[in-house]
Amino acid sequence: MPSFNSFHNKYLDAWRNSSLQELTPMISRDYQAREIAEGKISDFGYEESIRGWEQGFTFVKENKAEWELKEIARIPLREHETMSVIFAKLVINGKTLKTGNLFFQTFIYDFGWKLARSYIEAGIPSSQMENNSLMSIPGKSF
């Protein structure tokens, strides 16, 4: 089985490069997602996801923007399943936007690694994530 780390680095590179051509084959046709934006819940699948990536990548290219991606955690869930937690924000004309999106993305290995599920919190203030470390709960451990 190919390394998740190698796959994930290619995935992040495709995202940073706003390459729909590279990213699309990395997403499962059975993909399901939930996004929370301004308190509203939106559920969507593969086709809507591809349209969303296309719109986002077009915006980035038209505005000569760059993606700033911060991987917060990489969590093995099961033998062939890994979650990556990523905070994504845009930089336009050297200025970082004040909000970004927090992605909880689950990848599954089934004849190749694919993005299978996402939970997305949109519009998170960047200041909330700047000095981020996962908060520990006193007296709790796994």
C-alpha atoms as a PDB file:
ATOM      1  CA  MET A   1       0.000   0.000   0.000  1.00  0.00           C
ATOM      2  CA  PRO A   2       1.429   3.410  -0.951  1.00  0.00           C
ATOM      3  CA  SER A   3       2.302   5.699   1.942  1.00  0.00           C
ATOM      4  CA  PHE A   4      -0.431   8.017   3.172  1.00  0.00           C
ATOM      5  CA  ASN A   5       2.183  10.694   3.853  1.00  0.00           C
ATOM      6  CA  SER A   6       3.350  10.692   0.226  1.00  0.00           C
ATOM      7  CA  PHE A   7      -0.240  10.812  -1.049  1.00  0.00           C
ATOM      8  CA  HIS A   8      -1.194  13.563   1.400  1.00  0.00           C
ATOM      9  CA  ASN A   9       1.759  15.735   0.370  1.00  0.00           C
ATOM     10  CA  LYS A  10       0.625  15.442  -3.281  1.00  0.00           C
ATOM     11  CA  TYR A  11      -2.933  16.274  -2.209  1.00  0.00           C
ATOM     12  CA  LEU A  12      -1.795  19.433  -0.390  1.00  0.00           C
ATOM     13  CA  ASP A  13       0.409  20.414  -3.359  1.00  0.00           C
ATOM     14  CA  ALA A  14      -2.576  20.070  -5.730  1.00  0.00           C
ATOM     15  CA  TRP A  15      -4.610  22.254  -3.361  1.00  0.00           C
ATOM     16  CA  ARG A  16      -1.854  24.889  -3.023  1.00  0.00           C
ATOM     17  CA  ASN A  17      -1.452  24.937  -6.822  1.00  0.00           C
ATOM     18  CA  SER A  18      -5.244  25.231  -7.324  1.00  0.00           C
ATOM     19  CA  SER A  19      -5.019  22.259  -9.694  1.00  0.00           C
ATOM     20  CA  LEU A  20      -8.451  20.763 -10.239  1.00  0.00           C
ATOM     21  CA  GLN A  21      -6.911  18.327 -12.721  1.00  0.00           C
ATOM     22  CA  GLU A  22      -4.607  16.916 -10.026  1.00  0.00           C
ATOM     23  CA  LEU A  23      -7.126  17.084  -7.168  1.00  0.00           C
ATOM     24  CA  THR A  24     -10.172  15.487  -8.832  1.00  0.00           C
ATOM     25  CA  PRO A  25      -8.760  11.921  -9.046  1.00  0.00           C
ATOM     26  CA  MET A  26      -7.907  12.143  -5.324  1.00  0.00           C
ATOM     27  CA  ILE A  27     -11.586  12.468  -4.370  1.00  0.00           C
ATOM     28  CA  SER A  28     -13.804   9.395  -4.057  1.00  0.00           C
ATOM     29  CA  ARG A  29     -16.907   9.264  -6.276  1.00  0.00           C
ATOM     30  CA  ASP A  30     -18.740   8.313  -3.042  1.00  0.00           C
ATOM     31  CA  TYR A  31     -17.507  11.482  -1.298  1.00  0.00           C
ATOM     32  CA  GLN A  32     -19.853  13.036   1.275  1.00  0.00           C
ATOM     33  CA  ALA A  33     -19.401  16.318   3.130  1.00  0.00           C
ATOM     34  CA  ARG A  34     -21.017  18.657   5.596  1.00  0.00           C
ATOM     35  CA  GLU A  35     -20.166  22.350   5.766  1.00  0.00           C
ATOM     36  CA  ILE A  36     -21.232  24.769   8.464  1.00  0.00           C
ATOM     37  CA  ALA A  37     -21.199  28.416   7.315  1.00  0.00           C
ATOM     38  CA  GLU A  38     -22.710  31.184   9.442  1.00  0.00           C
ATOM     39  CA  GLY A  39     -24.603  28.557  11.421  1.00  0.00           C
ATOM     40  CA  LYS A  40     -26.206  27.026   8.325  1.00  0.00           C
ATOM     41  CA  ILE A  41     -25.626  23.348   7.515  1.00  0.00           C
ATOM     42  CA  SER A  42     -25.007  22.236   3.947  1.00  0.00           C
ATOM     43  CA  ASP A  43     -24.590  18.578   2.953  1.00  0.00           C
ATOM     44  CA  PHE A  44     -23.148  17.720  -0.449  1.00  0.00           C
ATOM     45  CA  GLY A  45     -21.488  14.996  -2.483  1.00  0.00           C
ATOM     46  CA  TYR A  46     -18.881  14.480  -5.170  1.00  0.00           C
ATOM     47  CA  GLU A  47     -20.331  16.621  -7.991  1.00  0.00           C
ATOM     48  CA  GLU A  48     -21.044  19.614  -5.746  1.00  0.00           C
ATOM     49  CA  SER A  49     -17.568  19.257  -4.244  1.00  0.00           C
ATOM     50  CA  ILE A  50     -15.872  19.381  -7.650  1.00  0.00           C
ATOM     51  CA  ARG A  51     -17.902  22.491  -8.555  1.00  0.00           C
ATOM     52  CA  GLY A  52     -16.903  24.088  -5.249  1.00  0.00           C
ATOM     53  CA  TRP A  53     -13.198  23.355  -5.770  1.00  0.00           C
ATOM     54  CA  GLU A  54     -13.471  24.704  -9.324  1.00  0.00           C
ATOM     55  CA  GLN A  55     -15.053  27.959  -8.118  1.00  0.00           C
ATOM     56  CA  GLY A  56     -12.477  28.337  -5.350  1.00  0.00           C
ATOM     57  CA  PHE A  57      -9.539  27.637  -7.635  1.00  0.00           C
ATOM     58  CA  THR A  58     -10.880  30.060 -10.257  1.00  0.00           C
ATOM     59  CA  PHE A  59     -11.185  32.763  -7.588  1.00  0.00           C
ATOM     60  CA  VAL A  60      -7.598  32.128  -6.462  1.00  0.00           C
ATOM     61  CA  LYS A  61      -6.219  32.327 -10.001  1.00  0.00           C
ATOM     62  CA  GLU A  62      -8.253  35.403 -10.996  1.00  0.00           C
ATOM     63  CA  ASN A  63      -7.172  37.265  -7.844  1.00  0.00           C
ATOM     64  CA  LYS A  64      -3.555  36.071  -7.943  1.00  0.00           C
ATOM     65  CA  ALA A  65      -4.092  34.697  -4.455  1.00  0.00           C
ATOM     66  CA  GLU A  66      -2.311  31.899  -2.623  1.00  0.00           C
ATOM     67  CA  TRP A  67      -3.548  29.186  -0.307  1.00  0.00           C
ATOM     68  CA  GLU A  68      -2.055  29.085   3.157  1.00  0.00           C
ATOM     69  CA  LEU A  69      -2.627  25.589   4.525  1.00  0.00           C
ATOM     70  CA  LYS A  70      -1.818  24.625   8.092  1.00  0.00           C
ATOM     71  CA  GLU A  71      -2.074  20.954   8.946  1.00  0.00           C
ATOM     72  CA  ILE A  72      -3.109  20.714  12.579  1.00  0.00           C
ATOM     73  CA  ALA A  73      -3.331  16.945  12.992  1.00  0.00           C
ATOM     74  CA  ARG A  74      -3.066  13.655  11.155  1.00  0.00           C
ATOM     75  CA  ILE A  75      -5.013  10.922  12.925  1.00  0.00           C
ATOM     76  CA  PRO A  76      -4.992   7.227  11.921  1.00  0.00           C
ATOM     77  CA  LEU A  77      -8.622   6.122  12.406  1.00  0.00           C
ATOM     78  CA  ARG A  78      -8.536   2.532  11.166  1.00  0.00           C
ATOM     79  CA  GLU A  79      -6.113   0.332   9.245  1.00  0.00           C
ATOM     80  CA  HIS A  80      -6.866   1.967   5.879  1.00  0.00           C
ATOM     81  CA  GLU A  81      -8.366   5.247   7.051  1.00  0.00           C
ATOM     82  CA  THR A  82      -6.708   8.507   8.135  1.00  0.00           C
ATOM     83  CA  MET A  83      -8.097  11.892   9.105  1.00  0.00           C
ATOM     84  CA  SER A  84      -6.286  15.142   8.403  1.00  0.00           C
ATOM     85  CA  VAL A  85      -7.278  18.372  10.116  1.00  0.00           C
ATOM     86  CA  ILE A  86      -6.353  21.429   8.046  1.00  0.00           C
ATOM     87  CA  PHE A  87      -6.916  25.155   8.469  1.00  0.00           C
ATOM     88  CA  ALA A  88      -7.044  26.859   5.064  1.00  0.00           C
ATOM     89  CA  LYS A  89      -7.007  30.574   4.391  1.00  0.00           C
ATOM     90  CA  LEU A  90      -6.229  32.813   1.453  1.00  0.00           C
ATOM     91  CA  VAL A  91      -3.535  35.421   0.990  1.00  0.00           C
ATOM     92  CA  ILE A  92      -4.425  38.125  -1.560  1.00  0.00           C
ATOM     93  CA  ASN A  93      -1.897  40.818  -2.506  1.00  0.00           C
ATOM     94  CA  GLY A  94       0.242  39.798   0.461  1.00  0.00           C
ATOM     95  CA  LYS A  95      -2.643  40.211   2.913  1.00  0.00           C
ATOM     96  CA  THR A  96      -4.091  37.243   4.752  1.00  0.00           C
ATOM     97  CA  LEU A  97      -7.879  37.113   4.892  1.00  0.00           C
ATOM     98  CA  LYS A  98      -9.314  37.455   8.388  1.00  0.00           C
ATOM     99  CA  THR A  99     -11.182  34.149   8.185  1.00  0.00           C
ATOM    100  CA  GLY A 100     -10.490  30.663   6.930  1.00  0.00           C
ATOM    101  CA  ASN A 101     -12.016  27.203   6.895  1.00  0.00           C
ATOM    102  CA  LEU A 102     -11.267  24.316   9.236  1.00  0.00           C
ATOM    103  CA  PHE A 103     -11.380  20.970   7.405  1.00  0.00           C
ATOM    104  CA  PHE A 104     -11.675  17.542   9.005  1.00  0.00           C
ATOM    105  CA  GLN A 105     -10.929  15.281   6.043  1.00  0.00           C
ATOM    106  CA  THR A 106     -11.110  11.491   6.088  1.00  0.00           C
ATOM    107  CA  PHE A 107      -9.095   9.569   3.524  1.00  0.00           C
ATOM    108  CA  ILE A 108      -9.638   5.883   2.796  1.00  0.00           C
ATOM    109  CA  TYR A 109      -7.351   3.441   1.011  1.00  0.00           C
ATOM    110  CA  ASP A 110      -9.280   1.354  -1.526  1.00  0.00           C
ATOM    111  CA  PHE A 111      -6.999   0.619  -4.509  1.00  0.00           C
ATOM    112  CA  GLY A 112      -5.411   4.022  -3.825  1.00  0.00           C
ATOM    113  CA  TRP A 113      -5.904   6.810  -1.279  1.00  0.00           C
ATOM    114  CA  LYS A 114      -9.024   8.947  -1.786  1.00  0.00           C
ATOM    115  CA  LEU A 115     -10.752  11.730   0.103  1.00  0.00           C
ATOM    116  CA  ALA A 116     -13.975  10.078   1.306  1.00  0.00           C
ATOM    117  CA  ARG A 117     -15.554  12.466   3.822  1.00  0.00           C
ATOM    118  CA  SER A 118     -15.217  16.038   5.036  1.00  0.00           C
ATOM    119  CA  TYR A 119     -16.616  18.122   7.826  1.00  0.00           C
ATOM    120  CA  ILE A 120     -15.928  21.818   7.249  1.00  0.00           C
ATOM    121  CA  GLU A 121     -16.341  24.775   9.604  1.00  0.00           C
ATOM    122  CA  ALA A 122     -16.315  27.854   7.334  1.00  0.00           C
ATOM    123  CA  GLY A 123     -15.561  31.432   8.305  1.00  0.00           C
ATOM    124  CA  ILE A 124     -13.384  30.732  11.345  1.00  0.00           C
ATOM    125  CA  PRO A 125     -11.447  33.847  12.450  1.00  0.00           C
ATOM    126  CA  SER A 126      -7.772  33.315  11.630  1.00  0.00           C
ATOM    127  CA  SER A 127      -6.886  34.707  15.055  1.00  0.00           C
ATOM    128  CA  GLN A 128      -8.503  31.626  16.615  1.00  0.00           C
ATOM    129  CA  MET A 129      -5.996  29.399  14.838  1.00  0.00           C
ATOM    130  CA  GLU A 130      -2.782  31.458  14.946  1.00  0.00           C
ATOM    131  CA  ASN A 131      -1.370  30.144  18.200  1.00  0.00           C
ATOM    132  CA  ASN A 132      -3.237  26.904  17.858  1.00  0.00           C
ATOM    133  CA  SER A 133      -2.467  23.813  19.738  1.00  0.00           C
ATOM    134  CA  LEU A 134      -5.130  21.237  20.381  1.00  0.00           C
ATOM    135  CA  MET A 135      -6.628  22.049  23.729  1.00  0.00           C
ATOM    136  CA  SER A 136      -6.097  19.342  26.257  1.00  0.00           C
ATOM    137  CA  ILE A 137      -8.651  18.607  28.917  1.00  0.00           C
ATOM    138  CA  PRO A 138      -7.034  18.623  32.359  1.00  0.00           C
ATOM    139  CA  GLY A 139      -6.960  15.163  33.902  1.00  0.00           C
ATOM    140  CA  LYS A 140      -8.042  13.439  30.663  1.00  0.00           C
ATOM    141  CA  SER A 141      -5.886  11.181  28.540  1.00  0.00           C
ATOM    142  CA  PHE A 142      -6.444   8.459  25.988  1.00  0.00           C
END
